[in-house]
Amino acid sequence: LFSSSGLTHESHRKDVEQVYLRCSEGSIEWMYPTGALIVNLRPNISPASYKHLTVCIKPFKDSAGANIYLEKTGELKLLVRDGERSPSRVYCFGYDQGGLFVEATPQQDISRKITGFQYELMSKGIAADLHTASAPCRPCSDTEVLLAVCTSDFVIRGSIQNVTNEAEEQESIIHVGVNKLYRQKSKVFQLTGESGNWRGQIKTLLECGVKPGDGDFLFTGRMHFGEARLGCAPRFKDFQRMYKEAKDKGLNPCEIGPD
């Protein structure tokens, strides 16, 4: 978390402050914004790898007081307008497309404003999975499922207990009861005290029309801004079939106990 306050620059309202961030994910919080911030993301990787990175930012729900631009060689492209209200909206761009220029907008009372956003750096392939898939609700092929099992941030066998639709955010929250936890990057799926069962939530697009149903599924996906996002999710019996077929041919990309 990087936090700054414009009140320390009150006498120099046009100050531009340079910020250098080394972490691959984090957040910016700019209280009482005045002047501008130039946000330089400098992850601890080889500069030769920068061209393979995508930057994603997610403004805080109540972020206000500044416009966020994409800046390259002095040219500004508006990314997020001050006061724009798009719950859960994520803005992504290639690392080589420029840096972030956050400019305070004129305010009568800056003490009421806080500009903030989360950011993530990821490989372009992962970003494409999350944001630019041409058909995000399309069922995965056998090959895609088997690869997802090897590369996803979480892999679980479970059932859909309930689905909550968030119309404003255009998302569905899948409430999952976990029967077997193969892998999870973050502690999204946890033991619940009252029942002693593993449970968790996975988000997906509202347009996919997920409904509660019987039977077990293999849920895979990635963590994005602290939330589990759904990837491939075949019925578990279908996964068992495709895993066995691939294993018999020696084509399964990684080992996992499908039972």
Protein backbone atom coordinates (compact mmCIF):
# COMPACT_ATOMS: atom_id res chain seq x y z
CA LEU A 1 0.00 0.00 0.00
CA PHE A 2 1.36 3.40 -0.99
CA SER A 3 -0.37 6.29 0.78
CA SER A 4 0.15 9.98 0.17
CA SER A 5 -1.57 13.18 1.27
CA GLY A 6 -2.03 16.35 -0.74
CA LEU A 7 -2.24 18.43 2.42
CA THR A 8 1.56 18.31 2.70
CA HIS A 9 1.75 20.05 -0.67
CA GLU A 10 -0.91 22.68 -0.07
CA SER A 11 1.40 25.58 -0.83
CA HIS A 12 2.45 24.01 -4.13
CA ARG A 13 -0.83 22.96 -5.68
CA LYS A 14 0.80 22.04 -8.99
CA ASP A 15 3.40 19.73 -7.50
CA VAL A 16 4.05 16.49 -9.36
CA GLU A 17 5.23 13.62 -7.19
CA GLN A 18 7.04 10.57 -8.57
CA VAL A 19 6.13 7.21 -7.02
CA TYR A 20 8.15 4.02 -7.63
CA LEU A 21 6.53 0.68 -6.80
CA ARG A 22 8.40 -2.63 -6.83
CA CYS A 23 5.59 -5.03 -5.90
CA SER A 24 3.64 -6.92 -8.57
CA GLU A 25 0.37 -6.07 -6.80
CA GLY A 26 -0.76 -3.53 -4.27
CA SER A 27 -2.76 -0.35 -3.91
CA ILE A 28 -2.43 3.43 -4.11
CA GLU A 29 -4.28 5.71 -1.71
CA TRP A 30 -3.99 9.46 -2.29
CA MET A 31 -5.74 11.50 0.38
CA TYR A 32 -6.76 15.11 -0.30
CA PRO A 33 -5.30 15.06 -3.84
CA THR A 34 -3.62 18.17 -5.22
CA GLY A 35 -1.22 18.41 -8.13
CA ALA A 36 -0.36 15.05 -9.68
CA LEU A 37 1.23 11.67 -9.08
CA ILE A 38 3.34 9.81 -11.63
CA VAL A 39 3.15 6.11 -10.74
CA ASN A 40 6.15 4.11 -11.95
CA LEU A 41 5.70 0.34 -11.71
CA ARG A 42 9.14 -1.27 -11.54
CA PRO A 43 8.71 -4.97 -10.68
CA ASN A 44 11.75 -6.97 -9.64
CA ILE A 45 12.10 -8.81 -12.94
CA SER A 46 14.32 -8.43 -15.96
CA PRO A 47 13.40 -5.32 -18.02
CA ALA A 48 13.38 -7.62 -21.05
CA SER A 49 10.24 -9.24 -19.59
CA TYR A 50 8.33 -5.96 -19.30
CA LYS A 51 6.87 -6.31 -22.79
CA HIS A 52 5.10 -9.50 -21.70
CA LEU A 53 3.29 -7.77 -18.81
CA THR A 54 -0.23 -6.40 -18.53
CA VAL A 55 -1.17 -3.82 -15.88
CA CYS A 56 -4.69 -3.86 -14.43
CA ILE A 57 -6.15 -1.29 -12.04
CA LYS A 58 -9.40 -1.39 -10.09
CA PRO A 59 -10.50 1.95 -8.57
CA PHE A 60 -11.79 1.95 -5.01
CA LYS A 61 -15.57 2.11 -4.82
CA ASP A 62 -15.57 5.67 -3.46
CA SER A 63 -12.46 6.94 -5.25
CA ALA A 64 -12.79 10.64 -6.12
CA GLY A 65 -10.77 13.79 -6.63
CA ALA A 66 -8.54 12.91 -9.59
CA ASN A 67 -8.48 11.71 -13.18
CA ILE A 68 -6.28 8.71 -14.00
CA TYR A 69 -4.43 8.80 -17.31
CA LEU A 70 -2.18 6.50 -19.28
CA GLU A 71 0.95 8.52 -20.06
CA LYS A 72 3.63 7.83 -22.65
CA THR A 73 6.23 10.32 -23.89
CA GLY A 74 4.16 13.24 -22.68
CA GLU A 75 0.87 12.16 -24.26
CA LEU A 76 -2.09 11.53 -21.96
CA LYS A 77 -4.95 9.10 -22.60
CA LEU A 78 -7.84 9.26 -20.12
CA LEU A 79 -8.30 5.93 -18.35
CA VAL A 80 -10.65 6.71 -15.43
CA ARG A 81 -12.57 9.98 -15.17
CA ASP A 82 -13.04 11.55 -11.74
CA GLY A 83 -16.38 10.49 -10.30
CA GLU A 84 -16.89 7.65 -12.76
CA ARG A 85 -18.98 5.03 -10.98
CA SER A 86 -18.47 1.57 -12.46
CA PRO A 87 -18.54 -0.98 -9.62
CA SER A 88 -15.92 -3.70 -10.05
CA ARG A 89 -14.73 -2.17 -13.36
CA VAL A 90 -11.15 -3.17 -14.13
CA TYR A 91 -8.95 -1.25 -16.58
CA CYS A 92 -6.08 -3.10 -18.25
CA PHE A 93 -3.28 -2.08 -20.60
CA GLY A 94 0.07 -3.38 -21.77
CA TYR A 95 3.03 -2.39 -19.60
CA ASP A 96 4.74 -0.97 -22.69
CA GLN A 97 1.73 1.27 -23.45
CA GLY A 98 2.83 3.76 -20.78
CA GLY A 99 2.67 4.60 -17.10
CA LEU A 100 -0.01 6.02 -14.82
CA PHE A 101 -0.47 9.77 -14.40
CA VAL A 102 -2.94 10.66 -11.66
CA GLU A 103 -3.98 14.33 -11.77
CA ALA A 104 -6.09 16.00 -9.11
CA THR A 105 -9.20 17.84 -10.33
CA PRO A 106 -10.11 21.30 -8.95
CA GLN A 107 -12.02 20.91 -5.68
CA GLN A 108 -13.76 23.32 -3.33
CA ASP A 109 -12.90 21.08 -0.37
CA ILE A 110 -10.09 18.58 -0.97
CA SER A 111 -10.38 17.19 2.57
CA ARG A 112 -13.45 15.25 1.46
CA LYS A 113 -11.68 13.42 -1.36
CA ILE A 114 -9.59 10.25 -1.50
CA THR A 115 -8.35 8.82 -4.79
CA GLY A 116 -7.37 5.17 -4.70
CA PHE A 117 -7.06 1.99 -6.69
CA GLN A 118 -5.65 -1.51 -6.55
CA TYR A 119 -3.18 -2.63 -9.19
CA GLU A 120 -1.88 -5.95 -10.47
CA LEU A 121 0.88 -6.88 -12.88
CA MET A 122 0.42 -10.17 -14.72
CA SER A 123 1.53 -11.96 -17.84
CA LYS A 124 -0.42 -11.08 -20.97
CA GLY A 125 -1.64 -14.68 -21.29
CA ILE A 126 -3.28 -14.64 -17.85
CA ALA A 127 -4.78 -11.22 -18.50
CA ALA A 128 -6.28 -12.49 -21.75
CA ASP A 129 -7.89 -15.37 -19.85
CA LEU A 130 -9.52 -12.90 -17.48
CA HIS A 131 -10.57 -10.03 -19.70
CA THR A 132 -10.39 -10.50 -23.44
CA ALA A 133 -11.64 -14.02 -24.05
CA SER A 134 -13.95 -13.80 -27.05
CA ALA A 135 -16.50 -16.12 -25.45
CA PRO A 136 -16.06 -16.08 -21.64
CA CYS A 137 -19.09 -18.33 -21.05
CA ARG A 138 -18.05 -20.96 -23.60
CA PRO A 139 -17.42 -24.45 -22.15
CA CYS A 140 -13.74 -25.38 -22.10
CA SER A 141 -12.35 -28.08 -24.37
CA ASP A 142 -10.73 -31.19 -22.86
CA THR A 143 -7.27 -29.74 -23.54
CA GLU A 144 -8.19 -26.42 -21.88
CA VAL A 145 -9.55 -28.20 -18.79
CA LEU A 146 -6.44 -30.35 -18.36
CA LEU A 147 -4.18 -27.32 -18.74
CA ALA A 148 -6.34 -25.31 -16.30
CA VAL A 149 -5.87 -28.04 -13.69
CA CYS A 150 -2.10 -27.53 -13.92
CA THR A 151 -1.95 -23.73 -14.07
CA SER A 152 -4.94 -22.36 -12.11
CA ASP A 153 -4.67 -20.55 -8.78
CA PHE A 154 -7.35 -22.81 -7.35
CA VAL A 155 -8.60 -26.30 -8.26
CA ILE A 156 -11.45 -27.82 -6.26
CA ARG A 157 -14.12 -30.47 -6.50
CA GLY A 158 -17.40 -29.10 -5.23
CA SER A 159 -21.07 -28.36 -5.69
CA ILE A 160 -23.04 -25.17 -6.25
CA GLN A 161 -24.91 -24.37 -3.03
CA ASN A 162 -26.38 -21.08 -4.23
CA VAL A 163 -25.88 -18.30 -6.79
CA THR A 164 -26.24 -14.60 -5.96
CA ASN A 165 -26.65 -12.26 -8.92
CA GLU A 166 -25.28 -8.72 -8.63
CA ALA A 167 -27.07 -6.81 -11.40
CA GLU A 168 -25.25 -3.50 -10.76
CA GLU A 169 -21.84 -5.14 -11.03
CA GLN A 170 -22.93 -7.51 -13.82
CA GLU A 171 -21.53 -10.45 -11.86
CA SER A 172 -22.71 -13.68 -10.29
CA ILE A 173 -21.33 -15.02 -7.02
CA ILE A 174 -21.23 -18.82 -6.90
CA HIS A 175 -21.41 -20.18 -3.34
CA VAL A 176 -19.47 -23.43 -3.44
CA GLY A 177 -19.44 -26.37 -1.06
CA VAL A 178 -16.02 -28.02 -1.33
CA ASN A 179 -15.69 -31.80 -1.37
CA LYS A 180 -11.98 -31.90 -2.20
CA LEU A 181 -9.41 -29.12 -2.27
CA TYR A 182 -6.60 -29.84 -4.72
CA ARG A 183 -4.95 -26.41 -4.64
CA GLN A 184 -5.57 -22.80 -3.70
CA LYS A 185 -3.23 -19.82 -3.90
CA SER A 186 -5.12 -17.75 -1.32
CA LYS A 187 -7.38 -18.82 1.52
CA VAL A 188 -10.63 -18.21 -0.36
CA PHE A 189 -11.98 -21.64 0.56
CA GLN A 190 -12.08 -22.18 4.30
CA LEU A 191 -13.55 -24.45 6.93
CA THR A 192 -16.80 -23.07 8.32
CA GLY A 193 -17.17 -23.34 12.06
CA GLU A 194 -20.78 -24.45 12.35
CA SER A 195 -20.68 -27.34 9.88
CA GLY A 196 -17.00 -28.21 9.62
CA ASN A 197 -17.31 -28.10 5.83
CA TRP A 198 -15.10 -26.23 3.37
CA ARG A 199 -16.86 -23.38 1.60
CA GLY A 200 -16.01 -20.42 -0.58
CA GLN A 201 -17.18 -18.01 -3.26
CA ILE A 202 -16.25 -17.75 -6.93
CA LYS A 203 -17.21 -14.85 -9.17
CA THR A 204 -18.13 -14.98 -12.85
CA LEU A 205 -19.97 -12.83 -15.39
CA LEU A 206 -23.72 -12.40 -14.94
CA GLU A 207 -24.21 -13.07 -18.66
CA CYS A 208 -23.03 -16.65 -18.18
CA GLY A 209 -26.31 -17.42 -16.39
CA VAL A 210 -24.93 -19.79 -13.73
CA LYS A 211 -27.70 -21.57 -11.81
CA PRO A 212 -27.66 -23.82 -8.72
CA GLY A 213 -27.74 -27.48 -9.68
CA ASP A 214 -27.11 -31.02 -8.54
CA GLY A 215 -23.84 -32.88 -8.89
CA ASP A 216 -20.16 -32.10 -8.47
CA PHE A 217 -18.03 -29.88 -10.67
CA LEU A 218 -14.29 -29.33 -10.99
CA PHE A 219 -13.89 -25.60 -10.39
CA THR A 220 -10.71 -23.93 -11.64
CA GLY A 221 -9.76 -20.29 -11.97
CA ARG A 222 -7.50 -17.44 -10.96
CA MET A 223 -7.22 -14.95 -8.14
CA HIS A 224 -7.82 -11.39 -9.30
CA PHE A 225 -7.80 -8.41 -6.91
CA GLY A 226 -8.28 -10.79 -4.00
CA GLU A 227 -11.28 -12.55 -5.55
CA ALA A 228 -11.61 -16.03 -7.05
CA ARG A 229 -12.60 -15.74 -10.74
CA LEU A 230 -14.07 -18.75 -12.50
CA GLY A 231 -12.13 -20.44 -15.30
CA CYS A 232 -13.00 -23.90 -16.57
CA ALA A 233 -15.69 -25.77 -14.60
CA PRO A 234 -16.66 -29.12 -16.15
CA ARG A 235 -18.88 -31.62 -14.39
CA PHE A 236 -16.61 -33.78 -12.27
CA LYS A 237 -17.55 -37.01 -14.04
CA ASP A 238 -16.58 -35.41 -17.37
CA PHE A 239 -13.24 -34.34 -15.89
CA GLN A 240 -12.59 -37.90 -14.67
CA ARG A 241 -13.24 -39.21 -18.18
CA MET A 242 -10.96 -36.71 -19.94
CA TYR A 243 -8.22 -37.13 -17.33
CA LYS A 244 -8.25 -40.93 -17.68
CA GLU A 245 -8.20 -40.73 -21.48
CA ALA A 246 -5.24 -38.33 -21.44
CA LYS A 247 -3.38 -40.40 -18.83
CA ASP A 248 -3.86 -43.63 -20.81
CA LYS A 249 -2.28 -41.90 -23.82
CA GLY A 250 0.44 -40.27 -21.74
CA LEU A 251 -0.85 -36.82 -22.70
CA ASN A 252 -1.97 -35.37 -19.37
CA PRO A 253 0.16 -32.24 -18.72
CA CYS A 254 0.37 -32.80 -14.95
CA GLU A 255 -0.59 -35.36 -12.31
CA ILE A 256 -3.58 -34.83 -10.04
CA GLY A 257 -5.64 -37.38 -8.14
CA PRO A 258 -9.02 -37.16 -9.90
CA ASP A 259 -10.88 -39.43 -7.47
